[in-house]
Amino acid sequence: MDLAKQTCIPCREGAPKLTEAELKAFLPQLPGWEVIAHHHLSRSLRFIDFQTALDWVNAAGAICEAENHHAEFSFGWGHVEVLIYTHKVDGLTQADVVLAAKLNVINV
């Protein structure tokens, strides 16, 4: 199933993290994303100016609010850095890959 069409399911403390094999299976559906230290997803995006980067962050923030799953953003003139992981388990869950897929379809 298309990850971007799924809903982020909240997890509880102690919920299982994604295995390395599960992450490898999801990565083809997450172009542009990297798994860092089997702990979080990271993506760097480039834009033509500050306003376009801000527009993208605002659109991403709206998705995070709608999904009740929040990424970490750092941005400035022409760039955005995104980190995603589940704080409750201190690692990656299916909600993280779903959110990454949803962020990949933003068009600004």
PDB file of N, CA and C in Angstrom:
ATOM      1  N   MET A   1       0.845  -1.190   0.000  1.00  0.00           N
ATOM      2  CA  MET A   1       0.000   0.000   0.000  1.00  0.00           C
ATOM      3  C   MET A   1       0.885   1.248   0.000  1.00  0.00           C
ATOM      4  N   ASP A   2       0.413   2.283  -0.640  1.00  0.00           N
ATOM      5  CA  ASP A   2       1.122   3.547  -0.725  1.00  0.00           C
ATOM      6  C   ASP A   2       1.247   4.164   0.679  1.00  0.00           C
ATOM      7  N   LEU A   3       2.468   4.319   1.146  1.00  0.00           N
ATOM      8  CA  LEU A   3       2.695   4.866   2.494  1.00  0.00           C
ATOM      9  C   LEU A   3       2.057   6.234   2.678  1.00  0.00           C
ATOM     10  N   ALA A   4       2.088   7.073   1.644  1.00  0.00           N
ATOM     11  CA  ALA A   4       1.560   8.435   1.761  1.00  0.00           C
ATOM     12  C   ALA A   4       0.049   8.464   1.976  1.00  0.00           C
ATOM     13  N   LYS A   5      -0.630   7.367   1.694  1.00  0.00           N
ATOM     14  CA  LYS A   5      -2.080   7.310   1.877  1.00  0.00           C
ATOM     15  C   LYS A   5      -2.472   6.696   3.216  1.00  0.00           C
ATOM     16  N   GLN A   6      -1.493   6.244   3.978  1.00  0.00           N
ATOM     17  CA  GLN A   6      -1.773   5.679   5.291  1.00  0.00           C
ATOM     18  C   GLN A   6      -1.871   6.789   6.329  1.00  0.00           C
ATOM     19  N   THR A   7      -2.303   6.441   7.507  1.00  0.00           N
ATOM     20  CA  THR A   7      -2.414   7.374   8.619  1.00  0.00           C
ATOM     21  C   THR A   7      -1.352   7.032   9.649  1.00  0.00           C
ATOM     22  N   CYS A   8      -0.754   8.039  10.242  1.00  0.00           N
ATOM     23  CA  CYS A   8       0.208   7.805  11.309  1.00  0.00           C
ATOM     24  C   CYS A   8      -0.543   7.281  12.533  1.00  0.00           C
ATOM     25  N   ILE A   9      -0.178   6.109  12.974  1.00  0.00           N
ATOM     26  CA  ILE A   9      -0.805   5.515  14.149  1.00  0.00           C
ATOM     27  C   ILE A   9       0.077   5.825  15.355  1.00  0.00           C
ATOM     28  N   PRO A  10      -0.478   6.519  16.345  1.00  0.00           N
ATOM     29  CA  PRO A  10       0.332   6.847  17.526  1.00  0.00           C
ATOM     30  C   PRO A  10       0.812   5.578  18.220  1.00  0.00           C
ATOM     31  N   CYS A  11       1.994   5.633  18.756  1.00  0.00           N
ATOM     32  CA  CYS A  11       2.500   4.475  19.476  1.00  0.00           C
ATOM     33  C   CYS A  11       2.652   4.814  20.956  1.00  0.00           C
ATOM     34  N   ARG A  12       2.896   3.807  21.722  1.00  0.00           N
ATOM     35  CA  ARG A  12       3.077   3.974  23.167  1.00  0.00           C
ATOM     36  C   ARG A  12       4.523   3.691  23.526  1.00  0.00           C
ATOM     37  N   GLU A  13       4.929   4.192  24.671  1.00  0.00           N
ATOM     38  CA  GLU A  13       6.276   3.891  25.131  1.00  0.00           C
ATOM     39  C   GLU A  13       6.468   2.384  25.151  1.00  0.00           C
ATOM     40  N   GLY A  14       7.626   1.951  24.706  1.00  0.00           N
ATOM     41  CA  GLY A  14       7.917   0.523  24.679  1.00  0.00           C
ATOM     42  C   GLY A  14       7.430  -0.189  23.434  1.00  0.00           C
ATOM     43  N   ALA A  15       6.757   0.526  22.543  1.00  0.00           N
ATOM     44  CA  ALA A  15       6.306  -0.097  21.288  1.00  0.00           C
ATOM     45  C   ALA A  15       7.538  -0.535  20.495  1.00  0.00           C
ATOM     46  N   PRO A  16       7.384  -1.553  19.665  1.00  0.00           N
ATOM     47  CA  PRO A  16       8.554  -2.041  18.918  1.00  0.00           C
ATOM     48  C   PRO A  16       9.025  -1.030  17.871  1.00  0.00           C
ATOM     49  N   LYS A  17      10.328  -0.934  17.747  1.00  0.00           N
ATOM     50  CA  LYS A  17      10.929  -0.117  16.696  1.00  0.00           C
ATOM     51  C   LYS A  17      10.977  -0.939  15.412  1.00  0.00           C
ATOM     52  N   LEU A  18      11.092  -0.252  14.287  1.00  0.00           N
ATOM     53  CA  LEU A  18      11.254  -0.955  13.018  1.00  0.00           C
ATOM     54  C   LEU A  18      12.598  -1.672  13.009  1.00  0.00           C
ATOM     55  N   THR A  19      12.613  -2.870  12.449  1.00  0.00           N
ATOM     56  CA  THR A  19      13.864  -3.603  12.309  1.00  0.00           C
ATOM     57  C   THR A  19      14.637  -3.058  11.113  1.00  0.00           C
ATOM     58  N   GLU A  20      15.874  -3.434  11.027  1.00  0.00           N
ATOM     59  CA  GLU A  20      16.688  -3.007   9.887  1.00  0.00           C
ATOM     60  C   GLU A  20      16.085  -3.525   8.578  1.00  0.00           C
ATOM     61  N   ALA A  21      15.590  -4.753   8.586  1.00  0.00           N
ATOM     62  CA  ALA A  21      14.972  -5.330   7.380  1.00  0.00           C
ATOM     63  C   ALA A  21      13.705  -4.564   7.001  1.00  0.00           C
ATOM     64  N   GLU A  22      12.902  -4.190   7.981  1.00  0.00           N
ATOM     65  CA  GLU A  22      11.689  -3.421   7.690  1.00  0.00           C
ATOM     66  C   GLU A  22      12.041  -2.065   7.093  1.00  0.00           C
ATOM     67  N   LEU A  23      13.052  -1.404   7.661  1.00  0.00           N
ATOM     68  CA  LEU A  23      13.474  -0.109   7.124  1.00  0.00           C
ATOM     69  C   LEU A  23      13.956  -0.239   5.684  1.00  0.00           C
ATOM     70  N   LYS A  24      14.750  -1.256   5.402  1.00  0.00           N
ATOM     71  CA  LYS A  24      15.237  -1.464   4.037  1.00  0.00           C
ATOM     72  C   LYS A  24      14.078  -1.676   3.071  1.00  0.00           C
ATOM     73  N   ALA A  25      13.031  -2.343   3.522  1.00  0.00           N
ATOM     74  CA  ALA A  25      11.873  -2.587   2.667  1.00  0.00           C
ATOM     75  C   ALA A  25      11.114  -1.288   2.382  1.00  0.00           C
ATOM     76  N   PHE A  26      11.094  -0.367   3.335  1.00  0.00           N
ATOM     77  CA  PHE A  26      10.375   0.896   3.150  1.00  0.00           C
ATOM     78  C   PHE A  26      11.164   1.918   2.329  1.00  0.00           C
ATOM     79  N   LEU A  27      12.486   1.884   2.381  1.00  0.00           N
ATOM     80  CA  LEU A  27      13.305   2.933   1.749  1.00  0.00           C
ATOM     81  C   LEU A  27      13.019   3.170   0.269  1.00  0.00           C
ATOM     82  N   PRO A  28      12.728   2.149  -0.542  1.00  0.00           N
ATOM     83  CA  PRO A  28      12.412   2.445  -1.947  1.00  0.00           C
ATOM     84  C   PRO A  28      11.195   3.359  -2.118  1.00  0.00           C
ATOM     85  N   GLN A  29      10.333   3.414  -1.109  1.00  0.00           N
ATOM     86  CA  GLN A  29       9.160   4.285  -1.160  1.00  0.00           C
ATOM     87  C   GLN A  29       9.452   5.670  -0.585  1.00  0.00           C
ATOM     88  N   LEU A  30      10.692   5.899  -0.166  1.00  0.00           N
ATOM     89  CA  LEU A  30      11.065   7.166   0.484  1.00  0.00           C
ATOM     90  C   LEU A  30      12.253   7.822  -0.198  1.00  0.00           C
ATOM     91  N   PRO A  31      12.116   8.167  -1.476  1.00  0.00           N
ATOM     92  CA  PRO A  31      13.255   8.790  -2.154  1.00  0.00           C
ATOM     93  C   PRO A  31      13.678  10.087  -1.467  1.00  0.00           C
ATOM     94  N   GLY A  32      14.982  10.245  -1.329  1.00  0.00           N
ATOM     95  CA  GLY A  32      15.535  11.446  -0.719  1.00  0.00           C
ATOM     96  C   GLY A  32      15.791  11.319   0.776  1.00  0.00           C
ATOM     97  N   TRP A  33      15.245  10.293   1.415  1.00  0.00           N
ATOM     98  CA  TRP A  33      15.407  10.109   2.853  1.00  0.00           C
ATOM     99  C   TRP A  33      16.562   9.156   3.149  1.00  0.00           C
ATOM    100  N   GLU A  34      17.251   9.434   4.243  1.00  0.00           N
ATOM    101  CA  GLU A  34      18.326   8.567   4.720  1.00  0.00           C
ATOM    102  C   GLU A  34      17.998   8.101   6.128  1.00  0.00           C
ATOM    103  N   VAL A  35      18.376   6.863   6.428  1.00  0.00           N
ATOM    104  CA  VAL A  35      18.271   6.359   7.794  1.00  0.00           C
ATOM    105  C   VAL A  35      19.601   6.649   8.474  1.00  0.00           C
ATOM    106  N   ILE A  36      19.558   7.359   9.587  1.00  0.00           N
ATOM    107  CA  ILE A  36      20.760   7.738  10.309  1.00  0.00           C
ATOM    108  C   ILE A  36      20.841   6.924  11.607  1.00  0.00           C
ATOM    109  N   ALA A  37      21.904   6.134  11.714  1.00  0.00           N
ATOM    110  CA  ALA A  37      22.208   5.361  12.921  1.00  0.00           C
ATOM    111  C   ALA A  37      21.022   4.504  13.370  1.00  0.00           C
ATOM    112  N   HIS A  38      20.235   4.036  12.438  1.00  0.00           N
ATOM    113  CA  HIS A  38      19.049   3.224  12.726  1.00  0.00           C
ATOM    114  C   HIS A  38      18.161   3.902  13.781  1.00  0.00           C
ATOM    115  N   HIS A  39      18.211   5.237  13.812  1.00  0.00           N
ATOM    116  CA  HIS A  39      17.495   5.987  14.847  1.00  0.00           C
ATOM    117  C   HIS A  39      16.510   7.008  14.288  1.00  0.00           C
ATOM    118  N   HIS A  40      16.876   7.675  13.192  1.00  0.00           N
ATOM    119  CA  HIS A  40      15.973   8.678  12.639  1.00  0.00           C
ATOM    120  C   HIS A  40      16.118   8.767  11.119  1.00  0.00           C
ATOM    121  N   LEU A  41      15.102   9.371  10.521  1.00  0.00           N
ATOM    122  CA  LEU A  41      15.118   9.646   9.088  1.00  0.00           C
ATOM    123  C   LEU A  41      15.542  11.089   8.893  1.00  0.00           C
ATOM    124  N   SER A  42      16.321  11.328   7.872  1.00  0.00           N
ATOM    125  CA  SER A  42      16.835  12.667   7.594  1.00  0.00           C
ATOM    126  C   SER A  42      16.666  12.971   6.115  1.00  0.00           C
ATOM    127  N   ARG A  43      16.320  14.218   5.840  1.00  0.00           N
ATOM    128  CA  ARG A  43      16.232  14.667   4.452  1.00  0.00           C
ATOM    129  C   ARG A  43      16.618  16.131   4.365  1.00  0.00           C
ATOM    130  N   SER A  44      17.381  16.464   3.347  1.00  0.00           N
ATOM    131  CA  SER A  44      17.748  17.847   3.045  1.00  0.00           C
ATOM    132  C   SER A  44      17.064  18.238   1.749  1.00  0.00           C
ATOM    133  N   LEU A  45      16.432  19.404   1.762  1.00  0.00           N
ATOM    134  CA  LEU A  45      15.764  19.904   0.569  1.00  0.00           C
ATOM    135  C   LEU A  45      16.338  21.274   0.216  1.00  0.00           C
ATOM    136  N   ARG A  46      16.376  21.580  -1.057  1.00  0.00           N
ATOM    137  CA  ARG A  46      16.858  22.874  -1.538  1.00  0.00           C
ATOM    138  C   ARG A  46      15.731  23.581  -2.287  1.00  0.00           C
ATOM    139  N   PHE A  47      15.685  24.906  -2.104  1.00  0.00           N
ATOM    140  CA  PHE A  47      14.643  25.726  -2.726  1.00  0.00           C
ATOM    141  C   PHE A  47      15.275  26.967  -3.340  1.00  0.00           C
ATOM    142  N   ILE A  48      14.498  27.670  -4.148  1.00  0.00           N
ATOM    143  CA  ILE A  48      15.048  28.816  -4.871  1.00  0.00           C
ATOM    144  C   ILE A  48      15.193  30.062  -4.005  1.00  0.00           C
ATOM    145  N   ASP A  49      14.484  30.093  -2.857  1.00  0.00           N
ATOM    146  CA  ASP A  49      14.565  31.274  -1.999  1.00  0.00           C
ATOM    147  C   ASP A  49      14.008  30.952  -0.612  1.00  0.00           C
ATOM    148  N   PHE A  50      14.025  31.931   0.261  1.00  0.00           N
ATOM    149  CA  PHE A  50      13.537  31.751   1.618  1.00  0.00           C
ATOM    150  C   PHE A  50      12.036  31.482   1.644  1.00  0.00           C
ATOM    151  N   GLN A  51      11.263  32.244   0.883  1.00  0.00           N
ATOM    152  CA  GLN A  51       9.808  32.115   0.910  1.00  0.00           C
ATOM    153  C   GLN A  51       9.356  30.714   0.514  1.00  0.00           C
ATOM    154  N   THR A  52       9.985  30.143  -0.493  1.00  0.00           N
ATOM    155  CA  THR A  52       9.601  28.805  -0.937  1.00  0.00           C
ATOM    156  C   THR A  52       9.937  27.768   0.132  1.00  0.00           C
ATOM    157  N   ALA A  53      11.086  27.922   0.786  1.00  0.00           N
ATOM    158  CA  ALA A  53      11.436  27.021   1.893  1.00  0.00           C
ATOM    159  C   ALA A  53      10.420  27.154   3.026  1.00  0.00           C
ATOM    160  N   LEU A  54      10.053  28.384   3.360  1.00  0.00           N
ATOM    161  CA  LEU A  54       9.068  28.622   4.408  1.00  0.00           C
ATOM    162  C   LEU A  54       7.707  28.030   4.030  1.00  0.00           C
ATOM    163  N   ASP A  55       7.303  28.189   2.785  1.00  0.00           N
ATOM    164  CA  ASP A  55       6.034  27.625   2.323  1.00  0.00           C
ATOM    165  C   ASP A  55       6.037  26.102   2.485  1.00  0.00           C
ATOM    166  N   TRP A  56       7.170  25.480   2.147  1.00  0.00           N
ATOM    167  CA  TRP A  56       7.267  24.025   2.279  1.00  0.00           C
ATOM    168  C   TRP A  56       7.165  23.631   3.754  1.00  0.00           C
ATOM    169  N   VAL A  57       7.871  24.324   4.634  1.00  0.00           N
ATOM    170  CA  VAL A  57       7.817  24.011   6.067  1.00  0.00           C
ATOM    171  C   VAL A  57       6.397  24.191   6.596  1.00  0.00           C
ATOM    172  N   ASN A  58       5.716  25.249   6.181  1.00  0.00           N
ATOM    173  CA  ASN A  58       4.331  25.454   6.622  1.00  0.00           C
ATOM    174  C   ASN A  58       3.419  24.319   6.150  1.00  0.00           C
ATOM    175  N   ALA A  59       3.591  23.872   4.917  1.00  0.00           N
ATOM    176  CA  ALA A  59       2.789  22.753   4.407  1.00  0.00           C
ATOM    177  C   ALA A  59       3.118  21.473   5.173  1.00  0.00           C
ATOM    178  N   ALA A  60       4.398  21.259   5.444  1.00  0.00           N
ATOM    179  CA  ALA A  60       4.816  20.078   6.204  1.00  0.00           C
ATOM    180  C   ALA A  60       4.266  20.132   7.626  1.00  0.00           C
ATOM    181  N   GLY A  61       4.297  21.305   8.229  1.00  0.00           N
ATOM    182  CA  GLY A  61       3.764  21.467   9.576  1.00  0.00           C
ATOM    183  C   GLY A  61       2.279  21.156   9.642  1.00  0.00           C
ATOM    184  N   ALA A  62       1.539  21.546   8.620  1.00  0.00           N
ATOM    185  CA  ALA A  62       0.102  21.243   8.576  1.00  0.00           C
ATOM    186  C   ALA A  62      -0.128  19.733   8.511  1.00  0.00           C
ATOM    187  N   ILE A  63       0.702  19.031   7.751  1.00  0.00           N
ATOM    188  CA  ILE A  63       0.594  17.571   7.683  1.00  0.00           C
ATOM    189  C   ILE A  63       0.915  16.965   9.044  1.00  0.00           C
ATOM    190  N   CYS A  64       1.966  17.453   9.681  1.00  0.00           N
ATOM    191  CA  CYS A  64       2.341  16.945  11.006  1.00  0.00           C
ATOM    192  C   CYS A  64       1.196  17.131  12.004  1.00  0.00           C
ATOM    193  N   GLU A  65       0.574  18.293  11.982  1.00  0.00           N
ATOM    194  CA  GLU A  65      -0.552  18.548  12.884  1.00  0.00           C
ATOM    195  C   GLU A  65      -1.717  17.620  12.578  1.00  0.00           C
ATOM    196  N   ALA A  66      -2.036  17.448  11.308  1.00  0.00           N
ATOM    197  CA  ALA A  66      -3.156  16.585  10.918  1.00  0.00           C
ATOM    198  C   ALA A  66      -2.906  15.132  11.331  1.00  0.00           C
ATOM    199  N   GLU A  67      -1.655  14.707  11.258  1.00  0.00           N
ATOM    200  CA  GLU A  67      -1.299  13.330  11.594  1.00  0.00           C
ATOM    201  C   GLU A  67      -0.970  13.158  13.080  1.00  0.00           C
ATOM    202  N   ASN A  68      -0.865  14.268  13.804  1.00  0.00           N
ATOM    203  CA  ASN A  68      -0.453  14.245  15.211  1.00  0.00           C
ATOM    204  C   ASN A  68       0.869  13.497  15.390  1.00  0.00           C
ATOM    205  N   HIS A  69       1.771  13.740  14.442  1.00  0.00           N
ATOM    206  CA  HIS A  69       3.117  13.153  14.484  1.00  0.00           C
ATOM    207  C   HIS A  69       4.048  14.236  13.944  1.00  0.00           C
ATOM    208  N   HIS A  70       5.001  14.658  14.727  1.00  0.00           N
ATOM    209  CA  HIS A  70       5.715  15.894  14.418  1.00  0.00           C
ATOM    210  C   HIS A  70       7.190  15.672  14.110  1.00  0.00           C
ATOM    211  N   ALA A  71       7.606  16.219  13.006  1.00  0.00           N
ATOM    212  CA  ALA A  71       9.006  16.188  12.591  1.00  0.00           C
ATOM    213  C   ALA A  71       9.736  17.371  13.211  1.00  0.00           C
ATOM    214  N   GLU A  72      11.056  17.346  13.094  1.00  0.00           N
ATOM    215  CA  GLU A  72      11.872  18.478  13.508  1.00  0.00           C
ATOM    216  C   GLU A  72      12.402  19.151  12.248  1.00  0.00           C
ATOM    217  N   PHE A  73      12.270  20.478  12.192  1.00  0.00           N
ATOM    218  CA  PHE A  73      12.663  21.226  11.005  1.00  0.00           C
ATOM    219  C   PHE A  73      13.715  22.268  11.355  1.00  0.00           C
ATOM    220  N   SER A  74      14.658  22.429  10.454  1.00  0.00           N
ATOM    221  CA  SER A  74      15.618  23.522  10.498  1.00  0.00           C
ATOM    222  C   SER A  74      15.625  24.093   9.086  1.00  0.00           C
ATOM    223  N   PHE A  75      15.469  25.413   8.968  1.00  0.00           N
ATOM    224  CA  PHE A  75      15.430  25.958   7.615  1.00  0.00           C
ATOM    225  C   PHE A  75      15.959  27.377   7.592  1.00  0.00           C
ATOM    226  N   GLY A  76      16.302  27.790   6.403  1.00  0.00           N
ATOM    227  CA  GLY A  76      16.784  29.140   6.157  1.00  0.00           C
ATOM    228  C   GLY A  76      16.656  29.435   4.677  1.00  0.00           C
ATOM    229  N   TRP A  77      17.425  30.387   4.204  1.00  0.00           N
ATOM    230  CA  TRP A  77      17.317  30.808   2.814  1.00  0.00           C
ATOM    231  C   TRP A  77      17.648  29.630   1.892  1.00  0.00           C
ATOM    232  N   GLY A  78      16.625  29.122   1.214  1.00  0.00           N
ATOM    233  CA  GLY A  78      16.802  28.105   0.184  1.00  0.00           C
ATOM    234  C   GLY A  78      17.029  26.687   0.669  1.00  0.00           C
ATOM    235  N   HIS A  79      16.863  26.414   1.958  1.00  0.00           N
ATOM    236  CA  HIS A  79      17.090  25.040   2.404  1.00  0.00           C
ATOM    237  C   HIS A  79      16.206  24.665   3.582  1.00  0.00           C
ATOM    238  N   VAL A  80      15.912  23.365   3.669  1.00  0.00           N
ATOM    239  CA  VAL A  80      15.180  22.793   4.794  1.00  0.00           C
ATOM    240  C   VAL A  80      15.843  21.474   5.153  1.00  0.00           C
ATOM    241  N   GLU A  81      16.035  21.251   6.438  1.00  0.00           N
ATOM    242  CA  GLU A  81      16.530  19.974   6.946  1.00  0.00           C
ATOM    243  C   GLU A  81      15.404  19.382   7.791  1.00  0.00           C
ATOM    244  N   VAL A  82      15.111  18.101   7.589  1.00  0.00           N
ATOM    245  CA  VAL A  82      14.021  17.445   8.309  1.00  0.00           C
ATOM    246  C   VAL A  82      14.560  16.211   9.028  1.00  0.00           C
ATOM    247  N   LEU A  83      14.163  16.045  10.286  1.00  0.00           N
ATOM    248  CA  LEU A  83      14.465  14.840  11.051  1.00  0.00           C
ATOM    249  C   LEU A  83      13.150  14.272  11.549  1.00  0.00           C
ATOM    250  N   ILE A  84      13.015  12.964  11.427  1.00  0.00           N
ATOM    251  CA  ILE A  84      11.817  12.289  11.912  1.00  0.00           C
ATOM    252  C   ILE A  84      12.229  11.073  12.719  1.00  0.00           C
ATOM    253  N   TYR A  85      11.664  10.950  13.908  1.00  0.00           N
ATOM    254  CA  TYR A  85      11.737   9.719  14.685  1.00  0.00           C
ATOM    255  C   TYR A  85      10.658   9.786  15.754  1.00  0.00           C
ATOM    256  N   THR A  86      10.399   8.665  16.388  1.00  0.00           N
ATOM    257  CA  THR A  86       9.373   8.604  17.419  1.00  0.00           C
ATOM    258  C   THR A  86      10.042   8.756  18.775  1.00  0.00           C
ATOM    259  N   HIS A  87       9.772   9.862  19.424  1.00  0.00           N
ATOM    260  CA  HIS A  87      10.408  10.160  20.708  1.00  0.00           C
ATOM    261  C   HIS A  87      10.061   9.123  21.771  1.00  0.00           C
ATOM    262  N   LYS A  88       8.840   8.622  21.769  1.00  0.00           N
ATOM    263  CA  LYS A  88       8.403   7.674  22.807  1.00  0.00           C
ATOM    264  C   LYS A  88       9.196   6.382  22.807  1.00  0.00           C
ATOM    265  N   VAL A  89       9.718   5.987  21.642  1.00  0.00           N
ATOM    266  CA  VAL A  89      10.508   4.756  21.584  1.00  0.00           C
ATOM    267  C   VAL A  89      11.982   5.039  21.297  1.00  0.00           C
ATOM    268  N   ASP A  90      12.310   6.328  21.143  1.00  0.00           N
ATOM    269  CA  ASP A  90      13.673   6.746  20.832  1.00  0.00           C
ATOM    270  C   ASP A  90      14.218   6.004  19.616  1.00  0.00           C
ATOM    271  N   GLY A  91      13.401   5.984  18.576  1.00  0.00           N
ATOM    272  CA  GLY A  91      13.801   5.310  17.346  1.00  0.00           C
ATOM    273  C   GLY A  91      12.713   5.435  16.295  1.00  0.00           C
ATOM    274  N   LEU A  92      12.748   4.527  15.330  1.00  0.00           N
ATOM    275  CA  LEU A  92      11.848   4.600  14.184  1.00  0.00           C
ATOM    276  C   LEU A  92      10.702   3.601  14.279  1.00  0.00           C
ATOM    277  N   THR A  93       9.510   4.093  13.932  1.00  0.00           N
ATOM    278  CA  THR A  93       8.310   3.260  13.878  1.00  0.00           C
ATOM    279  C   THR A  93       7.661   3.441  12.508  1.00  0.00           C
ATOM    280  N   GLN A  94       6.604   2.692  12.262  1.00  0.00           N
ATOM    281  CA  GLN A  94       5.922   2.823  10.975  1.00  0.00           C
ATOM    282  C   GLN A  94       5.360   4.229  10.791  1.00  0.00           C
ATOM    283  N   ALA A  95       4.944   4.881  11.864  1.00  0.00           N
ATOM    284  CA  ALA A  95       4.431   6.251  11.751  1.00  0.00           C
ATOM    285  C   ALA A  95       5.479   7.174  11.132  1.00  0.00           C
ATOM    286  N   ASP A  96       6.744   6.925  11.401  1.00  0.00           N
ATOM    287  CA  ASP A  96       7.812   7.773  10.868  1.00  0.00           C
ATOM    288  C   ASP A  96       7.937   7.628   9.353  1.00  0.00           C
ATOM    289  N   VAL A  97       7.863   6.410   8.855  1.00  0.00           N
ATOM    290  CA  VAL A  97       7.982   6.234   7.407  1.00  0.00           C
ATOM    291  C   VAL A  97       6.728   6.750   6.701  1.00  0.00           C
ATOM    292  N   VAL A  98       5.573   6.632   7.354  1.00  0.00           N
ATOM    293  CA  VAL A  98       4.337   7.178   6.781  1.00  0.00           C
ATOM    294  C   VAL A  98       4.462   8.698   6.681  1.00  0.00           C
ATOM    295  N   LEU A  99       4.932   9.333   7.757  1.00  0.00           N
ATOM    296  CA  LEU A  99       5.079  10.801   7.720  1.00  0.00           C
ATOM    297  C   LEU A  99       6.075  11.227   6.658  1.00  0.00           C
ATOM    298  N   ALA A 100       7.195  10.538   6.551  1.00  0.00           N
ATOM    299  CA  ALA A 100       8.186  10.870   5.517  1.00  0.00           C
ATOM    300  C   ALA A 100       7.568  10.786   4.125  1.00  0.00           C
ATOM    301  N   ALA A 101       6.791   9.748   3.880  1.00  0.00           N
ATOM    302  CA  ALA A 101       6.133   9.589   2.564  1.00  0.00           C
ATOM    303  C   ALA A 101       5.152  10.734   2.311  1.00  0.00           C
ATOM    304  N   LYS A 102       4.428  11.135   3.342  1.00  0.00           N
ATOM    305  CA  LYS A 102       3.479  12.242   3.179  1.00  0.00           C
ATOM    306  C   LYS A 102       4.213  13.556   2.873  1.00  0.00           C
ATOM    307  N   LEU A 103       5.350  13.774   3.511  1.00  0.00           N
ATOM    308  CA  LEU A 103       6.121  14.993   3.261  1.00  0.00           C
ATOM    309  C   LEU A 103       6.709  14.990   1.858  1.00  0.00           C
ATOM    310  N   ASN A 104       6.975  13.809   1.315  1.00  0.00           N
ATOM    311  CA  ASN A 104       7.540  13.737  -0.032  1.00  0.00           C
ATOM    312  C   ASN A 104       6.586  14.210  -1.118  1.00  0.00           C
ATOM    313  N   VAL A 105       5.306  14.259  -0.845  1.00  0.00           N
ATOM    314  CA  VAL A 105       4.359  14.642  -1.913  1.00  0.00           C
ATOM    315  C   VAL A 105       3.960  16.118  -1.846  1.00  0.00           C
ATOM    316  N   ILE A 106       4.600  16.878  -0.977  1.00  0.00           N
ATOM    317  CA  ILE A 106       4.301  18.313  -0.887  1.00  0.00           C
ATOM    318  C   ILE A 106       4.816  19.010  -2.140  1.00  0.00           C
ATOM    319  N   ASN A 107       3.957  19.808  -2.737  1.00  0.00           N
ATOM    320  CA  ASN A 107       4.354  20.642  -3.874  1.00  0.00           C
ATOM    321  C   ASN A 107       4.106  22.104  -3.498  1.00  0.00           C
ATOM    322  N   VAL A 108       5.149  22.906  -3.551  1.00  0.00           N
ATOM    323  CA  VAL A 108       4.989  24.350  -3.280  1.00  0.00           C
ATOM    324  C   VAL A 108       5.504  25.138  -4.467  1.00  0.00           C
TER     325      VAL A 108
END
